């Protein structure tokens, strides 16, 4: 037998207190329930961290590709300079 039930809510948490006096000394049961907003905020933060990590990894990969392209171009320029130097030496020998 329930003697008294009190329900309260503050918009975020709901609380229900049930008091029973049929047993000697009585029994009080308190139930609290949250709205789950903390879980949603935690999930949103986790998603933001994953997206940020993926962005940083992708940015690092782009930097590596750019560095490789510049290194390759520098090697090609160095090879072309050697060819021009060799051609200049050959032309100098023919002029003599």
PDB file of N, CA and C in Angstrom:
ATOM      1  N   UNK A   1       0.838  -1.175   0.000  1.00  0.00           N
ATOM      2  CA  UNK A   1       0.000   0.000   0.000  1.00  0.00           C
ATOM      3  C   UNK A   1       0.884   1.241   0.000  1.00  0.00           C
ATOM      4  N   UNK A   2       0.625   2.144  -0.893  1.00  0.00           N
ATOM      5  CA  UNK A   2       1.397   3.365  -1.033  1.00  0.00           C
ATOM      6  C   UNK A   2       0.671   4.481  -0.304  1.00  0.00           C
ATOM      7  N   UNK A   3       1.379   5.112   0.624  1.00  0.00           N
ATOM      8  CA  UNK A   3       0.774   6.196   1.385  1.00  0.00           C
ATOM      9  C   UNK A   3       0.952   7.546   0.721  1.00  0.00           C
ATOM     10  N   UNK A   4       2.123   7.731   0.093  1.00  0.00           N
ATOM     11  CA  UNK A   4       2.378   9.042  -0.489  1.00  0.00           C
ATOM     12  C   UNK A   4       3.345   8.911  -1.666  1.00  0.00           C
ATOM     13  N   UNK A   5       3.064   9.602  -2.785  1.00  0.00           N
ATOM     14  CA  UNK A   5       3.933   9.645  -3.961  1.00  0.00           C
ATOM     15  C   UNK A   5       4.141  11.104  -4.325  1.00  0.00           C
ATOM     16  N   UNK A   6       5.422  11.509  -4.435  1.00  0.00           N
ATOM     17  CA  UNK A   6       5.750  12.887  -4.800  1.00  0.00           C
ATOM     18  C   UNK A   6       6.604  12.828  -6.056  1.00  0.00           C
ATOM     19  N   UNK A   7       6.197  13.561  -7.084  1.00  0.00           N
ATOM     20  CA  UNK A   7       6.975  13.614  -8.327  1.00  0.00           C
ATOM     21  C   UNK A   7       7.404  15.049  -8.577  1.00  0.00           C
ATOM     22  N   UNK A   8       8.705  15.221  -8.915  1.00  0.00           N
ATOM     23  CA  UNK A   8       9.258  16.546  -9.209  1.00  0.00           C
ATOM     24  C   UNK A   8      10.099  16.454 -10.479  1.00  0.00           C
ATOM     25  N   UNK A   9      10.103  17.543 -11.211  1.00  0.00           N
ATOM     26  CA  UNK A   9      10.973  17.622 -12.386  1.00  0.00           C
ATOM     27  C   UNK A   9      11.484  19.045 -12.521  1.00  0.00           C
ATOM     28  N   UNK A  10      12.738  19.179 -12.957  1.00  0.00           N
ATOM     29  CA  UNK A  10      13.307  20.509 -13.168  1.00  0.00           C
ATOM     30  C   UNK A  10      13.650  20.742 -14.639  1.00  0.00           C
ATOM     31  N   UNK A  11      13.104  19.912 -15.493  1.00  0.00           N
ATOM     32  CA  UNK A  11      13.378  20.047 -16.920  1.00  0.00           C
ATOM     33  C   UNK A  11      14.511  19.152 -17.373  1.00  0.00           C
ATOM     34  N   UNK A  12      15.416  18.826 -16.480  1.00  0.00           N
ATOM     35  CA  UNK A  12      16.537  17.966 -16.814  1.00  0.00           C
ATOM     36  C   UNK A  12      16.425  16.622 -16.111  1.00  0.00           C
ATOM     37  N   UNK A  13      16.070  16.671 -14.833  1.00  0.00           N
ATOM     38  CA  UNK A  13      15.999  15.465 -14.027  1.00  0.00           C
ATOM     39  C   UNK A  13      14.592  15.303 -13.482  1.00  0.00           C
ATOM     40  N   UNK A  14      14.121  14.064 -13.499  1.00  0.00           N
ATOM     41  CA  UNK A  14      12.811  13.744 -12.956  1.00  0.00           C
ATOM     42  C   UNK A  14      13.020  12.885 -11.712  1.00  0.00           C
ATOM     43  N   UNK A  15      12.299  13.194 -10.648  1.00  0.00           N
ATOM     44  CA  UNK A  15      12.462  12.474  -9.385  1.00  0.00           C
ATOM     45  C   UNK A  15      11.092  12.035  -8.881  1.00  0.00           C
ATOM     46  N   UNK A  16      11.014  10.781  -8.444  1.00  0.00           N
ATOM     47  CA  UNK A  16       9.768  10.255  -7.894  1.00  0.00           C
ATOM     48  C   UNK A  16      10.068   9.618  -6.543  1.00  0.00           C
ATOM     49  N   UNK A  17       9.394  10.078  -5.503  1.00  0.00           N
ATOM     50  CA  UNK A  17       9.573   9.564  -4.141  1.00  0.00           C
ATOM     51  C   UNK A  17       8.288   8.853  -3.745  1.00  0.00           C
ATOM     52  N   UNK A  18       8.421   7.577  -3.371  1.00  0.00           N
ATOM     53  CA  UNK A  18       7.273   6.784  -2.933  1.00  0.00           C
ATOM     54  C   UNK A  18       7.502   6.386  -1.484  1.00  0.00           C
ATOM     55  N   UNK A  19       6.596   6.754  -0.610  1.00  0.00           N
ATOM     56  CA  UNK A  19       6.708   6.418   0.815  1.00  0.00           C
ATOM     57  C   UNK A  19       5.587   5.457   1.187  1.00  0.00           C
ATOM     58  N   UNK A  20       5.976   4.402   1.898  1.00  0.00           N
ATOM     59  CA  UNK A  20       5.012   3.403   2.342  1.00  0.00           C
ATOM     60  C   UNK A  20       5.159   3.236   3.846  1.00  0.00           C
ATOM     61  N   UNK A  21       4.059   3.262   4.540  1.00  0.00           N
ATOM     62  CA  UNK A  21       4.098   3.137   5.995  1.00  0.00           C
ATOM     63  C   UNK A  21       3.510   1.814   6.469  1.00  0.00           C
ATOM     64  N   UNK A  22       3.218   0.873   5.581  1.00  0.00           N
ATOM     65  CA  UNK A  22       2.595  -0.383   5.995  1.00  0.00           C
ATOM     66  C   UNK A  22       3.559  -1.256   6.783  1.00  0.00           C
ATOM     67  N   UNK A  23       4.833  -1.227   6.490  1.00  0.00           N
ATOM     68  CA  UNK A  23       5.826  -1.993   7.231  1.00  0.00           C
ATOM     69  C   UNK A  23       6.253  -1.201   8.456  1.00  0.00           C
ATOM     70  N   UNK A  24       6.737  -1.879   9.497  1.00  0.00           N
ATOM     71  CA  UNK A  24       7.228  -1.141  10.662  1.00  0.00           C
ATOM     72  C   UNK A  24       8.420  -0.272  10.279  1.00  0.00           C
ATOM     73  N   UNK A  25       8.364   0.972  10.599  1.00  0.00           N
ATOM     74  CA  UNK A  25       9.439   1.903  10.253  1.00  0.00           C
ATOM     75  C   UNK A  25       9.223   2.557   8.911  1.00  0.00           C
ATOM     76  N   UNK A  26       8.383   1.989   8.074  1.00  0.00           N
ATOM     77  CA  UNK A  26       8.085   2.564   6.766  1.00  0.00           C
ATOM     78  C   UNK A  26       9.184   2.315   5.745  1.00  0.00           C
ATOM     79  N   UNK A  27       8.892   2.523   4.485  1.00  0.00           N
ATOM     80  CA  UNK A  27       9.840   2.342   3.386  1.00  0.00           C
ATOM     81  C   UNK A  27       9.759   3.556   2.482  1.00  0.00           C
ATOM     82  N   UNK A  28      10.901   4.052   2.095  1.00  0.00           N
ATOM     83  CA  UNK A  28      10.958   5.174   1.160  1.00  0.00           C
ATOM     84  C   UNK A  28      11.764   4.748  -0.058  1.00  0.00           C
ATOM     85  N   UNK A  29      11.197   4.918  -1.242  1.00  0.00           N
ATOM     86  CA  UNK A  29      11.868   4.593  -2.498  1.00  0.00           C
ATOM     87  C   UNK A  29      12.019   5.892  -3.280  1.00  0.00           C
ATOM     88  N   UNK A  30      13.262   6.197  -3.684  1.00  0.00           N
ATOM     89  CA  UNK A  30      13.537   7.402  -4.458  1.00  0.00           C
ATOM     90  C   UNK A  30      14.056   6.969  -5.820  1.00  0.00           C
ATOM     91  N   UNK A  31      13.393   7.410  -6.895  1.00  0.00           N
ATOM     92  CA  UNK A  31      13.826   7.113  -8.261  1.00  0.00           C
ATOM     93  C   UNK A  31      14.209   8.421  -8.930  1.00  0.00           C
ATOM     94  N   UNK A  32      15.403   8.458  -9.502  1.00  0.00           N
ATOM     95  CA  UNK A  32      15.852   9.658 -10.231  1.00  0.00           C
ATOM     96  C   UNK A  32      16.193   9.252 -11.653  1.00  0.00           C
ATOM     97  N   UNK A  33      15.777  10.065 -12.576  1.00  0.00           N
ATOM     98  CA  UNK A  33      16.065   9.803 -13.978  1.00  0.00           C
ATOM     99  C   UNK A  33      16.553  11.090 -14.623  1.00  0.00           C
ATOM    100  N   UNK A  34      17.645  10.977 -15.374  1.00  0.00           N
ATOM    101  CA  UNK A  34      18.165  12.133 -16.102  1.00  0.00           C
ATOM    102  C   UNK A  34      17.596  12.167 -17.501  1.00  0.00           C
ATOM    103  N   UNK A  35      17.863  13.263 -18.176  1.00  0.00           N
ATOM    104  CA  UNK A  35      17.330  13.428 -19.527  1.00  0.00           C
ATOM    105  C   UNK A  35      18.204  12.784 -20.588  1.00  0.00           C
ATOM    106  N   UNK A  36      19.433  12.413 -20.264  1.00  0.00           N
ATOM    107  CA  UNK A  36      20.334  11.830 -21.255  1.00  0.00           C
ATOM    108  C   UNK A  36      21.111  12.878 -22.030  1.00  0.00           C
ATOM    109  N   UNK A  37      20.997  14.140 -21.639  1.00  0.00           N
ATOM    110  CA  UNK A  37      21.706  15.204 -22.356  1.00  0.00           C
ATOM    111  C   UNK A  37      23.213  15.038 -22.228  1.00  0.00           C
ATOM    112  N   UNK A  38      23.685  14.565 -21.093  1.00  0.00           N
ATOM    113  CA  UNK A  38      25.126  14.349 -20.914  1.00  0.00           C
ATOM    114  C   UNK A  38      25.664  13.330 -21.887  1.00  0.00           C
ATOM    115  N   UNK A  39      24.892  12.281 -22.142  1.00  0.00           N
ATOM    116  CA  UNK A  39      25.294  11.258 -23.110  1.00  0.00           C
ATOM    117  C   UNK A  39      25.374  11.849 -24.518  1.00  0.00           C
ATOM    118  N   UNK A  40      24.407  12.673 -24.874  1.00  0.00           N
ATOM    119  CA  UNK A  40      24.418  13.296 -26.209  1.00  0.00           C
ATOM    120  C   UNK A  40      25.596  14.253 -26.369  1.00  0.00           C
ATOM    121  N   UNK A  41      25.900  15.016 -25.339  1.00  0.00           N
ATOM    122  CA  UNK A  41      27.036  15.943 -25.398  1.00  0.00           C
ATOM    123  C   UNK A  41      28.334  15.157 -25.518  1.00  0.00           C
ATOM    124  N   UNK A  42      28.459  14.072 -24.744  1.00  0.00           N
ATOM    125  CA  UNK A  42      29.658  13.236 -24.824  1.00  0.00           C
ATOM    126  C   UNK A  42      29.828  12.634 -26.208  1.00  0.00           C
ATOM    127  N   UNK A  43      28.742  12.170 -26.804  1.00  0.00           N
ATOM    128  CA  UNK A  43      28.796  11.613 -28.149  1.00  0.00           C
ATOM    129  C   UNK A  43      29.206  12.675 -29.168  1.00  0.00           C
ATOM    130  N   UNK A  44      28.683  13.885 -29.039  1.00  0.00           N
ATOM    131  CA  UNK A  44      29.043  14.974 -29.956  1.00  0.00           C
ATOM    132  C   UNK A  44      30.522  15.319 -29.834  1.00  0.00           C
ATOM    133  N   UNK A  45      31.044  15.348 -28.605  1.00  0.00           N
ATOM    134  CA  UNK A  45      32.468  15.642 -28.399  1.00  0.00           C
ATOM    135  C   UNK A  45      33.321  14.540 -29.015  1.00  0.00           C
ATOM    136  N   UNK A  46      32.916  13.284 -28.857  1.00  0.00           N
ATOM    137  CA  UNK A  46      33.655  12.168 -29.442  1.00  0.00           C
ATOM    138  C   UNK A  46      33.693  12.275 -30.963  1.00  0.00           C
ATOM    139  N   UNK A  47      32.583  12.615 -31.570  1.00  0.00           N
ATOM    140  CA  UNK A  47      32.534  12.769 -33.027  1.00  0.00           C
ATOM    141  C   UNK A  47      33.452  13.907 -33.469  1.00  0.00           C
ATOM    142  N   UNK A  48      33.453  15.019 -32.741  1.00  0.00           N
ATOM    143  CA  UNK A  48      34.330  16.138 -33.092  1.00  0.00           C
ATOM    144  C   UNK A  48      35.809  15.747 -32.985  1.00  0.00           C
ATOM    145  N   UNK A  49      36.161  14.972 -31.982  1.00  0.00           N
ATOM    146  CA  UNK A  49      37.552  14.534 -31.823  1.00  0.00           C
ATOM    147  C   UNK A  49      37.956  13.639 -32.993  1.00  0.00           C
ATOM    148  N   UNK A  50      37.082  12.725 -33.391  1.00  0.00           N
ATOM    149  CA  UNK A  50      37.390  11.824 -34.517  1.00  0.00           C
ATOM    150  C   UNK A  50      37.544  12.619 -35.812  1.00  0.00           C
ATOM    151  N   UNK A  51      36.638  13.554 -36.058  1.00  0.00           N
ATOM    152  CA  UNK A  51      36.721  14.373 -37.276  1.00  0.00           C
ATOM    153  C   UNK A  51      38.003  15.210 -37.266  1.00  0.00           C
ATOM    154  N   UNK A  52      38.352  15.781 -36.130  1.00  0.00           N
ATOM    155  CA  UNK A  52      39.591  16.562 -36.028  1.00  0.00           C
ATOM    156  C   UNK A  52      40.816  15.708 -36.274  1.00  0.00           C
ATOM    157  N   UNK A  53      40.832  14.503 -35.733  1.00  0.00           N
ATOM    158  CA  UNK A  53      41.973  13.607 -35.948  1.00  0.00           C
ATOM    159  C   UNK A  53      42.103  13.232 -37.419  1.00  0.00           C
ATOM    160  N   UNK A  54      40.985  12.931 -38.066  1.00  0.00           N
ATOM    161  CA  UNK A  54      41.019  12.599 -39.496  1.00  0.00           C
ATOM    162  C   UNK A  54      41.523  13.784 -40.322  1.00  0.00           C
ATOM    163  N   UNK A  55      41.101  14.993 -39.965  1.00  0.00           N
ATOM    164  CA  UNK A  55      41.563  16.185 -40.679  1.00  0.00           C
ATOM    165  C   UNK A  55      43.076  16.347 -40.542  1.00  0.00           C
ATOM    166  N   UNK A  56      43.586  16.179 -39.327  1.00  0.00           N
ATOM    167  CA  UNK A  56      45.027  16.339 -39.116  1.00  0.00           C
ATOM    168  C   UNK A  56      45.829  15.271 -39.845  1.00  0.00           C
ATOM    169  N   UNK A  57      45.332  14.040 -39.855  1.00  0.00           N
ATOM    170  CA  UNK A  57      46.024  12.966 -40.579  1.00  0.00           C
ATOM    171  C   UNK A  57      46.025  13.274 -42.071  1.00  0.00           C
ATOM    172  N   UNK A  58      44.883  13.720 -42.593  1.00  0.00           N
ATOM    173  CA  UNK A  58      44.795  14.048 -44.013  1.00  0.00           C
ATOM    174  C   UNK A  58      45.711  15.222 -44.357  1.00  0.00           C
ATOM    175  N   UNK A  59      45.780  16.207 -43.491  1.00  0.00           N
ATOM    176  CA  UNK A  59      46.658  17.364 -43.701  1.00  0.00           C
ATOM    177  C   UNK A  59      48.116  16.911 -43.768  1.00  0.00           C
ATOM    178  N   UNK A  60      48.500  16.000 -42.889  1.00  0.00           N
ATOM    179  CA  UNK A  60      49.866  15.481 -42.870  1.00  0.00           C
ATOM    180  C   UNK A  60      50.165  14.740 -44.172  1.00  0.00           C
ATOM    181  N   UNK A  61      49.207  13.963 -44.671  1.00  0.00           N
ATOM    182  CA  UNK A  61      49.406  13.245 -45.933  1.00  0.00           C
ATOM    183  C   UNK A  61      49.586  14.224 -47.098  1.00  0.00           C
ATOM    184  N   UNK A  62      48.812  15.309 -47.085  1.00  0.00           N
ATOM    185  CA  UNK A  62      48.956  16.311 -48.157  1.00  0.00           C
ATOM    186  C   UNK A  62      50.332  16.969 -48.117  1.00  0.00           C
ATOM    187  N   UNK A  63      50.824  17.235 -46.920  1.00  0.00           N
ATOM    188  CA  UNK A  63      52.163  17.828 -46.787  1.00  0.00           C
ATOM    189  C   UNK A  63      53.224  16.875 -47.325  1.00  0.00           C
ATOM    190  N   UNK A  64      53.067  15.581 -47.050  1.00  0.00           N
ATOM    191  CA  UNK A  64      54.024  14.597 -47.544  1.00  0.00           C
ATOM    192  C   UNK A  64      54.005  14.529 -49.072  1.00  0.00           C
ATOM    193  N   UNK A  65      52.825  14.575 -49.671  1.00  0.00           N
ATOM    194  CA  UNK A  65      52.717  14.548 -51.133  1.00  0.00           C
ATOM    195  C   UNK A  65      53.367  15.795 -51.726  1.00  0.00           C
ATOM    196  N   UNK A  66      53.132  16.946 -51.103  1.00  0.00           N
ATOM    197  CA  UNK A  66      53.720  18.189 -51.592  1.00  0.00           C
ATOM    198  C   UNK A  66      55.248  18.138 -51.496  1.00  0.00           C
ATOM    199  N   UNK A  67      55.764  17.626 -50.393  1.00  0.00           N
ATOM    200  CA  UNK A  67      57.212  17.515 -50.213  1.00  0.00           C
ATOM    201  C   UNK A  67      57.816  16.580 -51.254  1.00  0.00           C
ATOM    202  N   UNK A  68      57.146  15.456 -51.513  1.00  0.00           N
ATOM    203  CA  UNK A  68      57.634  14.516 -52.526  1.00  0.00           C
ATOM    204  C   UNK A  68      57.643  15.153 -53.915  1.00  0.00           C
ATOM    205  N   UNK A  69      56.622  15.939 -54.231  1.00  0.00           N
ATOM    206  CA  UNK A  69      56.561  16.597 -55.538  1.00  0.00           C
ATOM    207  C   UNK A  69      57.689  17.614 -55.685  1.00  0.00           C
ATOM    208  N   UNK A  70      57.967  18.362 -54.636  1.00  0.00           N
ATOM    209  CA  UNK A  70      59.045  19.358 -54.691  1.00  0.00           C
ATOM    210  C   UNK A  70      60.403  18.664 -54.815  1.00  0.00           C
ATOM    211  N   UNK A  71      60.587  17.568 -54.100  1.00  0.00           N
ATOM    212  CA  UNK A  71      61.843  16.825 -54.183  1.00  0.00           C
ATOM    213  C   UNK A  71      62.059  16.278 -55.583  1.00  0.00           C
ATOM    214  N   UNK A  72      61.005  15.737 -56.175  1.00  0.00           N
ATOM    215  CA  UNK A  72      61.097  15.205 -57.533  1.00  0.00           C
ATOM    216  C   UNK A  72      61.417  16.319 -58.533  1.00  0.00           C
ATOM    217  N   UNK A  73      60.779  17.476 -58.386  1.00  0.00           N
ATOM    218  CA  UNK A  73      61.045  18.592 -59.297  1.00  0.00           C
ATOM    219  C   UNK A  73      62.481  19.085 -59.145  1.00  0.00           C
ATOM    220  N   UNK A  74      62.973  19.107 -57.908  1.00  0.00           N
ATOM    221  CA  UNK A  74      64.358  19.546 -57.686  1.00  0.00           C
ATOM    222  C   UNK A  74      65.339  18.583 -58.331  1.00  0.00           C
ATOM    223  N   UNK A  75      65.051  17.296 -58.278  1.00  0.00           N
ATOM    224  CA  UNK A  75      65.921  16.312 -58.929  1.00  0.00           C
ATOM    225  C   UNK A  75      65.921  16.499 -60.442  1.00  0.00           C
ATOM    226  N   UNK A  76      64.723  16.785 -60.993  1.00  0.00           N
ATOM    227  CA  UNK A  76      64.633  17.002 -62.442  1.00  0.00           C
ATOM    228  C   UNK A  76      65.419  18.252 -62.853  1.00  0.00           C
ATOM    229  N   UNK A  77      65.334  19.308 -62.065  1.00  0.00           N
ATOM    230  CA  UNK A  77      66.079  20.530 -62.358  1.00  0.00           C
ATOM    231  C   UNK A  77      67.574  20.262 -62.261  1.00  0.00           C
ATOM    232  N   UNK A  78      67.967  19.476 -61.251  1.00  0.00           N
ATOM    233  CA  UNK A  78      69.387  19.136 -61.100  1.00  0.00           C
ATOM    234  C   UNK A  78      69.888  18.338 -62.288  1.00  0.00           C
ATOM    235  N   UNK A  79      69.071  17.395 -62.779  1.00  0.00           N
ATOM    236  CA  UNK A  79      69.458  16.609 -63.968  1.00  0.00           C
ATOM    237  C   UNK A  79      69.560  17.488 -65.203  1.00  0.00           C
ATOM    238  N   UNK A  80      68.623  18.411 -65.362  1.00  0.00           N
ATOM    239  CA  UNK A  80      68.657  19.315 -66.511  1.00  0.00           C
ATOM    240  C   UNK A  80      69.888  20.208 -66.443  1.00  0.00           C
ATOM    241  N   UNK A  81      70.252  20.661 -65.250  1.00  0.00           N
ATOM    242  CA  UNK A  81      71.448  21.508 -65.111  1.00  0.00           C
ATOM    243  C   UNK A  81      72.701  20.733 -65.497  1.00  0.00           C
ATOM    244  N   UNK A  82      72.777  19.465 -65.147  1.00  0.00           N
ATOM    245  CA  UNK A  82      73.925  18.645 -65.547  1.00  0.00           C
ATOM    246  C   UNK A  82      73.989  18.499 -67.058  1.00  0.00           C
ATOM    247  N   UNK A  83      72.814  18.300 -67.681  1.00  0.00           N
ATOM    248  CA  UNK A  83      72.779  18.174 -69.146  1.00  0.00           C
ATOM    249  C   UNK A  83      73.243  19.462 -69.812  1.00  0.00           C
ATOM    250  N   UNK A  84      72.791  20.605 -69.307  1.00  0.00           N
ATOM    251  CA  UNK A  84      73.202  21.903 -69.869  1.00  0.00           C
ATOM    252  C   UNK A  84      74.688  22.100 -69.660  1.00  0.00           C
ATOM    253  N   UNK A  85      75.194  21.726 -68.492  1.00  0.00           N
ATOM    254  CA  UNK A  85      76.630  21.854 -68.223  1.00  0.00           C
ATOM    255  C   UNK A  85      77.442  20.981 -69.163  1.00  0.00           C
ATOM    256  N   UNK A  86      76.963  19.756 -69.408  1.00  0.00           N
ATOM    257  CA  UNK A  86      77.660  18.861 -70.332  1.00  0.00           C
ATOM    258  C   UNK A  86      77.641  19.408 -71.755  1.00  0.00           C
ATOM    259  N   UNK A  87      76.510  19.964 -72.168  1.00  0.00           N
ATOM    260  CA  UNK A  87      76.401  20.543 -73.502  1.00  0.00           C
ATOM    261  C   UNK A  87      77.317  21.738 -73.634  1.00  0.00           C
ATOM    262  N   UNK A  88      77.439  22.549 -72.598  1.00  0.00           N
ATOM    263  CA  UNK A  88      78.323  23.717 -72.635  1.00  0.00           C
ATOM    264  C   UNK A  88      79.782  23.280 -72.758  1.00  0.00           C
ATOM    265  N   UNK A  89      80.163  22.217 -72.072  1.00  0.00           N
ATOM    266  CA  UNK A  89      81.531  21.714 -72.178  1.00  0.00           C
ATOM    267  C   UNK A  89      81.817  21.197 -73.584  1.00  0.00           C
ATOM    268  N   UNK A  90      80.851  20.485 -74.139  1.00  0.00           N
ATOM    269  CA  UNK A  90      81.018  19.967 -75.501  1.00  0.00           C
ATOM    270  C   UNK A  90      81.137  21.112 -76.504  1.00  0.00           C
ATOM    271  N   UNK A  91      80.331  22.164 -76.333  1.00  0.00           N
ATOM    272  CA  UNK A  91      80.395  23.316 -77.240  1.00  0.00           C
ATOM    273  C   UNK A  91      81.726  24.032 -77.093  1.00  0.00           C
ATOM    274  N   UNK A  92      82.230  24.123 -75.876  1.00  0.00           N
ATOM    275  CA  UNK A  92      83.513  24.792 -75.642  1.00  0.00           C
ATOM    276  C   UNK A  92      84.632  23.999 -76.320  1.00  0.00           C
ATOM    277  N   UNK A  93      84.565  22.680 -76.290  1.00  0.00           N
ATOM    278  CA  UNK A  93      85.602  21.863 -76.911  1.00  0.00           C
ATOM    279  C   UNK A  93      85.576  22.016 -78.425  1.00  0.00           C
ATOM    280  N   UNK A  94      84.367  22.149 -78.990  1.00  0.00           N
ATOM    281  CA  UNK A  94      84.259  22.294 -80.444  1.00  0.00           C
ATOM    282  C   UNK A  94      84.748  23.645 -80.926  1.00  0.00           C
ATOM    283  N   UNK A  95      84.627  24.682 -80.067  1.00  0.00           N
ATOM    284  CA  UNK A  95      85.061  26.015 -80.440  1.00  0.00           C
ATOM    285  C   UNK A  95      86.569  26.089 -80.462  1.00  0.00           C
ATOM    286  N   UNK A  96      87.234  25.377 -79.606  1.00  0.00           N
ATOM    287  CA  UNK A  96      88.693  25.440 -79.510  1.00  0.00           C
ATOM    288  C   UNK A  96      89.311  24.919 -80.711  1.00  0.00           C
TER     289      UNK A  96
END
